């Protein structure tokens, strides 16, 4: 279950829907770089993981009402709250396609909220 809401009250409302199994919600990438060394080897610099590096790929079936709310959230707000797997994240919708009730959304996470 995914919930998307604004940080402040809004007249459009918030939306809750069930994601499709093809959604990618557990993407975690560490901050790593690899540099070739003069001796023919490599140096790997591992700077750890932060939630701000995460990207969600959300797919779902939505109703017309949900589509209206999602479109308003995408067009009118830069920062939104996303509740995913019982965790709360601050993020922004990078892209959104809704075609015949089929949603495909990419969300860039800024931080995990406590």
C-alpha atoms as a PDB file:
ATOM      1  CA  UNK A   1       0.000   0.000   0.000  1.00  0.00           C
ATOM      2  CA  UNK A   2       1.306   3.454  -0.948  1.00  0.00           C
ATOM      3  CA  UNK A   3       0.103   6.780   0.404  1.00  0.00           C
ATOM      4  CA  UNK A   4       1.054  10.103  -1.173  1.00  0.00           C
ATOM      5  CA  UNK A   5       0.274  13.381   0.568  1.00  0.00           C
ATOM      6  CA  UNK A   6       1.382  16.989   0.690  1.00  0.00           C
ATOM      7  CA  UNK A   7       3.344  18.515   3.549  1.00  0.00           C
ATOM      8  CA  UNK A   8       0.533  20.996   4.214  1.00  0.00           C
ATOM      9  CA  UNK A   9      -3.230  20.833   3.797  1.00  0.00           C
ATOM     10  CA  UNK A  10      -4.487  20.966   0.209  1.00  0.00           C
ATOM     11  CA  UNK A  11      -7.888  21.076  -1.451  1.00  0.00           C
ATOM     12  CA  UNK A  12      -7.094  18.245  -3.889  1.00  0.00           C
ATOM     13  CA  UNK A  13      -6.728  15.627  -1.177  1.00  0.00           C
ATOM     14  CA  UNK A  14      -4.252  12.814  -0.790  1.00  0.00           C
ATOM     15  CA  UNK A  15      -4.197   9.407  -2.402  1.00  0.00           C
ATOM     16  CA  UNK A  16      -3.764   5.809  -1.225  1.00  0.00           C
ATOM     17  CA  UNK A  17      -3.474   2.868  -3.619  1.00  0.00           C
ATOM     18  CA  UNK A  18      -2.098  -0.667  -3.890  1.00  0.00           C
ATOM     19  CA  UNK A  19       1.082  -0.910  -5.935  1.00  0.00           C
ATOM     20  CA  UNK A  20       1.596  -3.615  -8.572  1.00  0.00           C
ATOM     21  CA  UNK A  21       4.093  -6.397  -7.810  1.00  0.00           C
ATOM     22  CA  UNK A  22       6.343  -5.011 -10.586  1.00  0.00           C
ATOM     23  CA  UNK A  23       6.972  -1.835  -8.573  1.00  0.00           C
ATOM     24  CA  UNK A  24      10.542  -1.297  -7.378  1.00  0.00           C
ATOM     25  CA  UNK A  25      10.455   0.051  -3.826  1.00  0.00           C
ATOM     26  CA  UNK A  26      13.549  -1.465  -2.240  1.00  0.00           C
ATOM     27  CA  UNK A  27      16.172   0.021  -4.559  1.00  0.00           C
ATOM     28  CA  UNK A  28      19.320   0.796  -2.577  1.00  0.00           C
ATOM     29  CA  UNK A  29      22.553   1.972  -4.124  1.00  0.00           C
ATOM     30  CA  UNK A  30      25.715   2.773  -2.209  1.00  0.00           C
ATOM     31  CA  UNK A  31      27.878   5.795  -2.999  1.00  0.00           C
ATOM     32  CA  UNK A  32      30.754   4.027  -4.695  1.00  0.00           C
ATOM     33  CA  UNK A  33      33.304   5.130  -7.256  1.00  0.00           C
ATOM     34  CA  UNK A  34      35.976   3.080  -8.974  1.00  0.00           C
ATOM     35  CA  UNK A  35      39.202   4.631 -10.227  1.00  0.00           C
ATOM     36  CA  UNK A  36      41.867   2.932 -12.311  1.00  0.00           C
ATOM     37  CA  UNK A  37      45.342   3.134 -10.762  1.00  0.00           C
ATOM     38  CA  UNK A  38      48.645   3.556 -12.594  1.00  0.00           C
ATOM     39  CA  UNK A  39      49.810   0.075 -11.556  1.00  0.00           C
ATOM     40  CA  UNK A  40      46.942  -1.555 -13.512  1.00  0.00           C
ATOM     41  CA  UNK A  41      44.675  -2.078 -10.511  1.00  0.00           C
ATOM     42  CA  UNK A  42      41.694  -0.171  -9.217  1.00  0.00           C
ATOM     43  CA  UNK A  43      40.779   1.835  -6.146  1.00  0.00           C
ATOM     44  CA  UNK A  44      37.206   1.554  -4.871  1.00  0.00           C
ATOM     45  CA  UNK A  45      35.943   4.403  -2.716  1.00  0.00           C
ATOM     46  CA  UNK A  46      32.868   3.327  -0.729  1.00  0.00           C
ATOM     47  CA  UNK A  47      31.084   6.242   0.979  1.00  0.00           C
ATOM     48  CA  UNK A  48      28.122   4.271   2.352  1.00  0.00           C
ATOM     49  CA  UNK A  49      24.388   4.451   1.759  1.00  0.00           C
ATOM     50  CA  UNK A  50      21.834   7.185   2.353  1.00  0.00           C
ATOM     51  CA  UNK A  51      18.086   7.075   1.693  1.00  0.00           C
ATOM     52  CA  UNK A  52      18.431  10.206  -0.439  1.00  0.00           C
ATOM     53  CA  UNK A  53      20.006   8.069  -3.176  1.00  0.00           C
ATOM     54  CA  UNK A  54      16.880   5.911  -3.515  1.00  0.00           C
ATOM     55  CA  UNK A  55      14.482   5.914  -6.466  1.00  0.00           C
ATOM     56  CA  UNK A  56      11.030   4.329  -6.433  1.00  0.00           C
ATOM     57  CA  UNK A  57       9.472   2.983  -9.636  1.00  0.00           C
ATOM     58  CA  UNK A  58       5.793   2.731  -8.823  1.00  0.00           C
ATOM     59  CA  UNK A  59       3.256   0.918 -10.977  1.00  0.00           C
ATOM     60  CA  UNK A  60      -0.413   0.579 -10.081  1.00  0.00           C
ATOM     61  CA  UNK A  61      -3.983   0.557 -11.323  1.00  0.00           C
ATOM     62  CA  UNK A  62      -5.783   3.764 -10.290  1.00  0.00           C
ATOM     63  CA  UNK A  63      -9.330   5.091 -10.493  1.00  0.00           C
ATOM     64  CA  UNK A  64     -10.337   8.306 -12.263  1.00  0.00           C
ATOM     65  CA  UNK A  65     -10.551  10.082  -8.899  1.00  0.00           C
ATOM     66  CA  UNK A  66      -7.064   8.885  -7.946  1.00  0.00           C
ATOM     67  CA  UNK A  67      -5.787   9.940 -11.376  1.00  0.00           C
ATOM     68  CA  UNK A  68      -7.124  13.468 -10.833  1.00  0.00           C
ATOM     69  CA  UNK A  69      -5.459  13.715  -7.418  1.00  0.00           C
ATOM     70  CA  UNK A  70      -2.156  12.253  -8.671  1.00  0.00           C
ATOM     71  CA  UNK A  71      -2.076  14.684 -11.587  1.00  0.00           C
ATOM     72  CA  UNK A  72      -2.635  17.645  -9.244  1.00  0.00           C
ATOM     73  CA  UNK A  73       0.065  16.412  -6.841  1.00  0.00           C
ATOM     74  CA  UNK A  74       2.523  15.968  -9.725  1.00  0.00           C
ATOM     75  CA  UNK A  75       1.814  19.344 -11.319  1.00  0.00           C
ATOM     76  CA  UNK A  76       1.398  21.508  -8.210  1.00  0.00           C
ATOM     77  CA  UNK A  77       3.840  20.233  -5.552  1.00  0.00           C
ATOM     78  CA  UNK A  78       7.598  19.786  -5.488  1.00  0.00           C
ATOM     79  CA  UNK A  79       7.940  17.920  -2.163  1.00  0.00           C
ATOM     80  CA  UNK A  80       5.560  15.180  -1.076  1.00  0.00           C
ATOM     81  CA  UNK A  81       5.318  12.555   1.650  1.00  0.00           C
ATOM     82  CA  UNK A  82       5.351   8.934   0.500  1.00  0.00           C
ATOM     83  CA  UNK A  83       4.393   6.131   2.874  1.00  0.00           C
ATOM     84  CA  UNK A  84       5.838   2.892   1.506  1.00  0.00           C
ATOM     85  CA  UNK A  85       6.183  -0.395   3.395  1.00  0.00           C
ATOM     86  CA  UNK A  86       5.248   1.366   6.665  1.00  0.00           C
ATOM     87  CA  UNK A  87       8.094   3.878   6.232  1.00  0.00           C
ATOM     88  CA  UNK A  88       7.712   7.604   5.507  1.00  0.00           C
ATOM     89  CA  UNK A  89       9.859   9.346   2.896  1.00  0.00           C
ATOM     90  CA  UNK A  90      10.148  12.909   1.633  1.00  0.00           C
ATOM     91  CA  UNK A  91      10.527  13.013  -2.124  1.00  0.00           C
ATOM     92  CA  UNK A  92       9.505  14.392  -5.503  1.00  0.00           C
ATOM     93  CA  UNK A  93       7.746  12.862  -8.480  1.00  0.00           C
ATOM     94  CA  UNK A  94      10.215  12.892 -11.373  1.00  0.00           C
ATOM     95  CA  UNK A  95       7.848  11.471 -13.975  1.00  0.00           C
ATOM     96  CA  UNK A  96       4.294  10.195 -14.151  1.00  0.00           C
ATOM     97  CA  UNK A  97       2.344   8.448 -16.893  1.00  0.00           C
ATOM     98  CA  UNK A  98      -1.296   7.446 -16.465  1.00  0.00           C
ATOM     99  CA  UNK A  99      -2.880   5.608 -19.388  1.00  0.00           C
ATOM    100  CA  UNK A 100      -6.310   3.982 -19.066  1.00  0.00           C
ATOM    101  CA  UNK A 101      -5.935   3.742 -15.292  1.00  0.00           C
ATOM    102  CA  UNK A 102      -2.433   2.290 -15.470  1.00  0.00           C
ATOM    103  CA  UNK A 103       0.055   4.376 -13.458  1.00  0.00           C
ATOM    104  CA  UNK A 104       3.807   4.453 -13.953  1.00  0.00           C
ATOM    105  CA  UNK A 105       5.613   6.879 -11.643  1.00  0.00           C
ATOM    106  CA  UNK A 106       9.252   7.568 -10.797  1.00  0.00           C
ATOM    107  CA  UNK A 107       9.941   9.117  -7.386  1.00  0.00           C
ATOM    108  CA  UNK A 108      13.271  10.572  -6.252  1.00  0.00           C
ATOM    109  CA  UNK A 109      13.675  10.273  -2.492  1.00  0.00           C
ATOM    110  CA  UNK A 110      15.222  13.135  -0.532  1.00  0.00           C
ATOM    111  CA  UNK A 111      15.167  11.602   2.938  1.00  0.00           C
ATOM    112  CA  UNK A 112      13.553   9.060   5.227  1.00  0.00           C
ATOM    113  CA  UNK A 113      11.427  10.683   7.894  1.00  0.00           C
ATOM    114  CA  UNK A 114      11.513   9.468  11.512  1.00  0.00           C
END
